[in-house]
Amino acid sequence: MTQPNETPSGPVEDNASDRKKRAERAATRSVPDVRRGDDAVTRVVKLRTAHGTRTVETAVSPLATDTATVDLARRREGIEPSEFRTGEVVA
C-alpha cells in the first residue's frame, strides 16, 4: 500500500493572530531594503502605539505600498507588533 501524496494545509488551530503575522512577513519580503538606494524615496509615517504617537521619516522603494511602508517604519523604530496599533503614510 502506498502513502498518499497529500500534505496538510496547515495547523488545525490556525487563528487570526497567526494569519496577521504571516501577512506582515509576506508584505515586507517583497519590498527590498533601500535605505541607501539611489531610487529610494523618503516617506513621513505616523505610527500609533500603546504608548503614544510617533512621526518618523523612512526611506523606501518608490514601488512600496503604504502598508509595507508603515510596516518597515514600525520595524526600523523597534516597535513590537503587540504594542503597535495603527499607522499611516502622511507624506
N, C-alpha and C. Protein backbone atom coordinates (compact mmCIF):
# COMPACT_ATOMS: atom_id res chain seq x y z
N MET A 1 0.85 -1.17 0.00
CA MET A 1 0.00 0.00 0.00
C MET A 1 0.90 1.24 0.00
N THR A 2 0.60 2.21 -0.86
CA THR A 2 1.43 3.41 -0.98
C THR A 2 0.85 4.54 -0.16
N GLN A 3 1.71 5.44 0.26
CA GLN A 3 1.28 6.60 1.03
C GLN A 3 0.69 7.65 0.08
N PRO A 4 -0.35 8.33 0.48
CA PRO A 4 -0.91 9.40 -0.36
C PRO A 4 0.08 10.57 -0.44
N ASN A 5 0.06 11.30 -1.55
CA ASN A 5 0.95 12.43 -1.76
C ASN A 5 0.37 13.73 -1.26
N GLU A 6 -0.49 13.68 -0.31
CA GLU A 6 -1.12 14.88 0.22
C GLU A 6 -0.29 15.44 1.36
N THR A 7 -0.29 16.74 1.45
CA THR A 7 0.36 17.40 2.58
C THR A 7 -0.69 18.17 3.35
N PRO A 8 -0.51 18.31 4.64
CA PRO A 8 -1.51 19.06 5.40
C PRO A 8 -1.50 20.53 4.99
N SER A 9 -2.65 21.12 4.96
CA SER A 9 -2.76 22.52 4.54
C SER A 9 -2.34 23.49 5.63
N GLY A 10 -2.18 23.05 6.81
CA GLY A 10 -1.77 23.93 7.90
C GLY A 10 -2.28 23.39 9.21
N PRO A 11 -1.93 24.03 10.30
CA PRO A 11 -2.40 23.55 11.60
C PRO A 11 -3.91 23.71 11.72
N VAL A 12 -4.47 22.80 12.46
CA VAL A 12 -5.92 22.82 12.66
C VAL A 12 -6.33 24.06 13.44
N GLU A 13 -5.50 24.46 14.37
CA GLU A 13 -5.81 25.59 15.25
C GLU A 13 -5.24 26.90 14.69
N ASP A 14 -5.48 27.20 13.43
CA ASP A 14 -4.99 28.43 12.80
C ASP A 14 -5.86 29.60 13.28
N ASN A 15 -5.24 30.61 13.88
CA ASN A 15 -6.04 31.72 14.39
C ASN A 15 -5.69 33.02 13.66
N ALA A 16 -6.42 34.06 13.95
CA ALA A 16 -6.25 35.35 13.28
C ALA A 16 -4.88 35.95 13.54
N SER A 17 -4.34 35.75 14.73
CA SER A 17 -3.03 36.30 15.06
C SER A 17 -1.94 35.68 14.17
N ASP A 18 -2.01 34.37 13.96
CA ASP A 18 -1.04 33.71 13.09
C ASP A 18 -1.16 34.21 11.65
N ARG A 19 -2.37 34.40 11.18
CA ARG A 19 -2.57 34.89 9.80
C ARG A 19 -2.02 36.31 9.67
N LYS A 20 -2.20 37.15 10.68
CA LYS A 20 -1.70 38.52 10.65
C LYS A 20 -0.17 38.53 10.60
N LYS A 21 0.46 37.69 11.41
CA LYS A 21 1.92 37.62 11.42
C LYS A 21 2.45 37.17 10.06
N ARG A 22 1.81 36.17 9.45
CA ARG A 22 2.25 35.71 8.14
C ARG A 22 2.07 36.80 7.09
N ALA A 23 0.99 37.57 7.17
CA ALA A 23 0.75 38.65 6.22
C ALA A 23 1.80 39.75 6.38
N GLU A 24 2.18 40.07 7.62
CA GLU A 24 3.22 41.08 7.86
C GLU A 24 4.55 40.64 7.27
N ARG A 25 4.90 39.38 7.47
CA ARG A 25 6.17 38.87 6.92
C ARG A 25 6.14 38.90 5.40
N ALA A 26 5.02 38.51 4.81
CA ALA A 26 4.91 38.49 3.35
C ALA A 26 4.98 39.90 2.77
N ALA A 27 4.41 40.88 3.46
CA ALA A 27 4.41 42.26 2.96
C ALA A 27 5.81 42.84 2.92
N THR A 28 6.63 42.50 3.90
CA THR A 28 7.97 43.08 3.93
C THR A 28 8.97 42.29 3.09
N ARG A 29 8.68 41.03 2.79
CA ARG A 29 9.60 40.25 1.97
C ARG A 29 9.69 40.78 0.56
N SER A 30 8.59 41.31 0.04
CA SER A 30 8.57 41.74 -1.35
C SER A 30 9.17 43.13 -1.55
N VAL A 31 9.44 43.87 -0.49
CA VAL A 31 9.98 45.21 -0.61
C VAL A 31 11.44 45.19 -0.15
N PRO A 32 12.38 45.47 -1.05
CA PRO A 32 13.79 45.43 -0.67
C PRO A 32 14.15 46.57 0.28
N ASP A 33 15.21 46.36 1.03
CA ASP A 33 15.71 47.39 1.93
C ASP A 33 16.51 48.39 1.10
N VAL A 34 15.99 49.60 0.93
CA VAL A 34 16.62 50.59 0.05
C VAL A 34 17.01 51.85 0.82
N ARG A 35 17.43 51.71 2.04
CA ARG A 35 17.80 52.88 2.83
C ARG A 35 18.88 53.70 2.15
N ARG A 36 19.81 53.04 1.46
CA ARG A 36 20.88 53.75 0.79
C ARG A 36 20.75 53.70 -0.73
N GLY A 37 19.66 53.19 -1.23
CA GLY A 37 19.48 53.06 -2.67
C GLY A 37 19.32 54.41 -3.36
N ASP A 38 19.78 54.48 -4.60
CA ASP A 38 19.68 55.72 -5.36
C ASP A 38 18.22 56.10 -5.65
N ASP A 39 17.35 55.09 -5.79
CA ASP A 39 15.97 55.38 -6.15
C ASP A 39 15.04 55.45 -4.93
N ALA A 40 15.60 55.40 -3.72
CA ALA A 40 14.78 55.45 -2.52
C ALA A 40 14.07 56.79 -2.39
N VAL A 41 12.86 56.74 -1.86
CA VAL A 41 12.11 57.96 -1.58
C VAL A 41 11.85 58.01 -0.07
N THR A 42 11.75 59.21 0.46
CA THR A 42 11.51 59.39 1.89
C THR A 42 10.03 59.62 2.12
N ARG A 43 9.46 58.85 3.03
CA ARG A 43 8.05 58.98 3.39
C ARG A 43 7.95 59.35 4.87
N VAL A 44 6.97 60.17 5.20
CA VAL A 44 6.68 60.51 6.59
C VAL A 44 5.54 59.60 7.03
N VAL A 45 5.78 58.88 8.12
CA VAL A 45 4.82 57.89 8.60
C VAL A 45 4.44 58.21 10.04
N LYS A 46 3.14 58.18 10.32
CA LYS A 46 2.65 58.37 11.68
C LYS A 46 2.31 56.99 12.25
N LEU A 47 2.98 56.63 13.34
CA LEU A 47 2.79 55.33 13.98
C LEU A 47 2.10 55.53 15.32
N ARG A 48 0.97 54.86 15.52
CA ARG A 48 0.26 54.94 16.80
C ARG A 48 0.52 53.64 17.56
N THR A 49 1.02 53.79 18.79
CA THR A 49 1.33 52.63 19.62
C THR A 49 0.54 52.70 20.91
N ALA A 50 0.72 51.70 21.73
CA ALA A 50 0.07 51.67 23.03
C ALA A 50 0.60 52.78 23.93
N HIS A 51 1.79 53.32 23.59
CA HIS A 51 2.44 54.33 24.42
C HIS A 51 2.36 55.74 23.85
N GLY A 52 1.70 55.91 22.73
CA GLY A 52 1.59 57.24 22.13
C GLY A 52 1.76 57.20 20.62
N THR A 53 2.01 58.38 20.05
CA THR A 53 2.15 58.51 18.60
C THR A 53 3.56 58.98 18.26
N ARG A 54 4.13 58.40 17.20
CA ARG A 54 5.43 58.82 16.70
C ARG A 54 5.29 59.16 15.23
N THR A 55 5.95 60.21 14.81
CA THR A 55 6.02 60.56 13.40
C THR A 55 7.48 60.41 12.98
N VAL A 56 7.72 59.56 12.00
CA VAL A 56 9.09 59.25 11.59
C VAL A 56 9.22 59.36 10.08
N GLU A 57 10.44 59.61 9.64
CA GLU A 57 10.75 59.59 8.21
C GLU A 57 11.47 58.29 7.93
N THR A 58 11.11 57.64 6.82
CA THR A 58 11.76 56.40 6.45
C THR A 58 11.95 56.35 4.94
N ALA A 59 13.07 55.78 4.52
CA ALA A 59 13.36 55.64 3.10
C ALA A 59 12.86 54.28 2.62
N VAL A 60 12.11 54.31 1.54
CA VAL A 60 11.56 53.07 0.98
C VAL A 60 11.67 53.10 -0.54
N SER A 61 11.39 51.97 -1.13
CA SER A 61 11.35 51.88 -2.59
C SER A 61 10.18 52.72 -3.10
N PRO A 62 10.31 53.33 -4.27
CA PRO A 62 9.18 54.08 -4.81
C PRO A 62 7.99 53.18 -5.15
N LEU A 63 8.21 51.89 -5.21
CA LEU A 63 7.12 50.95 -5.51
C LEU A 63 6.46 50.39 -4.25
N ALA A 64 6.95 50.76 -3.07
CA ALA A 64 6.40 50.23 -1.82
C ALA A 64 4.98 50.72 -1.59
N THR A 65 4.13 49.81 -1.16
CA THR A 65 2.75 50.19 -0.82
C THR A 65 2.75 50.91 0.53
N ASP A 66 1.65 51.57 0.84
CA ASP A 66 1.54 52.25 2.13
C ASP A 66 1.64 51.25 3.28
N THR A 67 1.03 50.08 3.12
CA THR A 67 1.07 49.05 4.16
C THR A 67 2.50 48.61 4.42
N ALA A 68 3.26 48.36 3.36
CA ALA A 68 4.65 47.95 3.51
C ALA A 68 5.48 49.07 4.12
N THR A 69 5.21 50.31 3.74
CA THR A 69 5.94 51.45 4.27
C THR A 69 5.72 51.58 5.78
N VAL A 70 4.47 51.44 6.21
CA VAL A 70 4.16 51.52 7.64
C VAL A 70 4.86 50.39 8.38
N ASP A 71 4.82 49.18 7.83
CA ASP A 71 5.45 48.04 8.50
C ASP A 71 6.97 48.21 8.59
N LEU A 72 7.59 48.69 7.53
CA LEU A 72 9.03 48.92 7.56
C LEU A 72 9.39 50.00 8.59
N ALA A 73 8.60 51.06 8.65
CA ALA A 73 8.85 52.13 9.63
C ALA A 73 8.72 51.58 11.05
N ARG A 74 7.70 50.76 11.28
CA ARG A 74 7.50 50.15 12.60
C ARG A 74 8.69 49.29 12.99
N ARG A 75 9.16 48.47 12.06
CA ARG A 75 10.30 47.59 12.36
C ARG A 75 11.57 48.39 12.60
N ARG A 76 11.80 49.42 11.80
CA ARG A 76 13.01 50.24 11.96
C ARG A 76 13.01 51.02 13.27
N GLU A 77 11.82 51.35 13.76
CA GLU A 77 11.71 52.05 15.04
C GLU A 77 11.74 51.08 16.22
N GLY A 78 11.72 49.80 15.95
CA GLY A 78 11.79 48.81 17.02
C GLY A 78 10.51 48.64 17.80
N ILE A 79 9.38 48.93 17.17
CA ILE A 79 8.08 48.80 17.84
C ILE A 79 7.58 47.36 17.66
N GLU A 80 7.33 46.71 18.76
CA GLU A 80 6.84 45.33 18.73
C GLU A 80 5.40 45.29 18.20
N PRO A 81 5.04 44.22 17.48
CA PRO A 81 3.67 44.11 16.96
C PRO A 81 2.60 44.19 18.04
N SER A 82 2.91 43.70 19.24
CA SER A 82 1.92 43.74 20.33
C SER A 82 1.65 45.17 20.81
N GLU A 83 2.61 46.08 20.64
CA GLU A 83 2.45 47.47 21.05
C GLU A 83 1.85 48.34 19.95
N PHE A 84 1.97 47.89 18.70
CA PHE A 84 1.55 48.66 17.54
C PHE A 84 0.03 48.66 17.40
N ARG A 85 -0.54 49.84 17.14
CA ARG A 85 -1.98 49.95 16.94
C ARG A 85 -2.31 50.20 15.46
N THR A 86 -1.95 51.37 14.93
CA THR A 86 -2.21 51.69 13.52
C THR A 86 -1.09 52.58 13.00
N GLY A 87 -1.07 52.76 11.72
CA GLY A 87 -0.10 53.63 11.10
C GLY A 87 -0.61 54.15 9.78
N GLU A 88 -0.08 55.29 9.37
CA GLU A 88 -0.47 55.84 8.07
C GLU A 88 0.66 56.65 7.48
N VAL A 89 0.73 56.65 6.15
CA VAL A 89 1.71 57.45 5.45
C VAL A 89 1.13 58.85 5.32
N VAL A 90 1.84 59.84 5.88
CA VAL A 90 1.36 61.22 5.90
C VAL A 90 1.82 61.95 4.66
N ALA A 91 3.07 61.78 4.30
CA ALA A 91 3.62 62.44 3.11
C ALA A 91 4.72 61.62 2.50
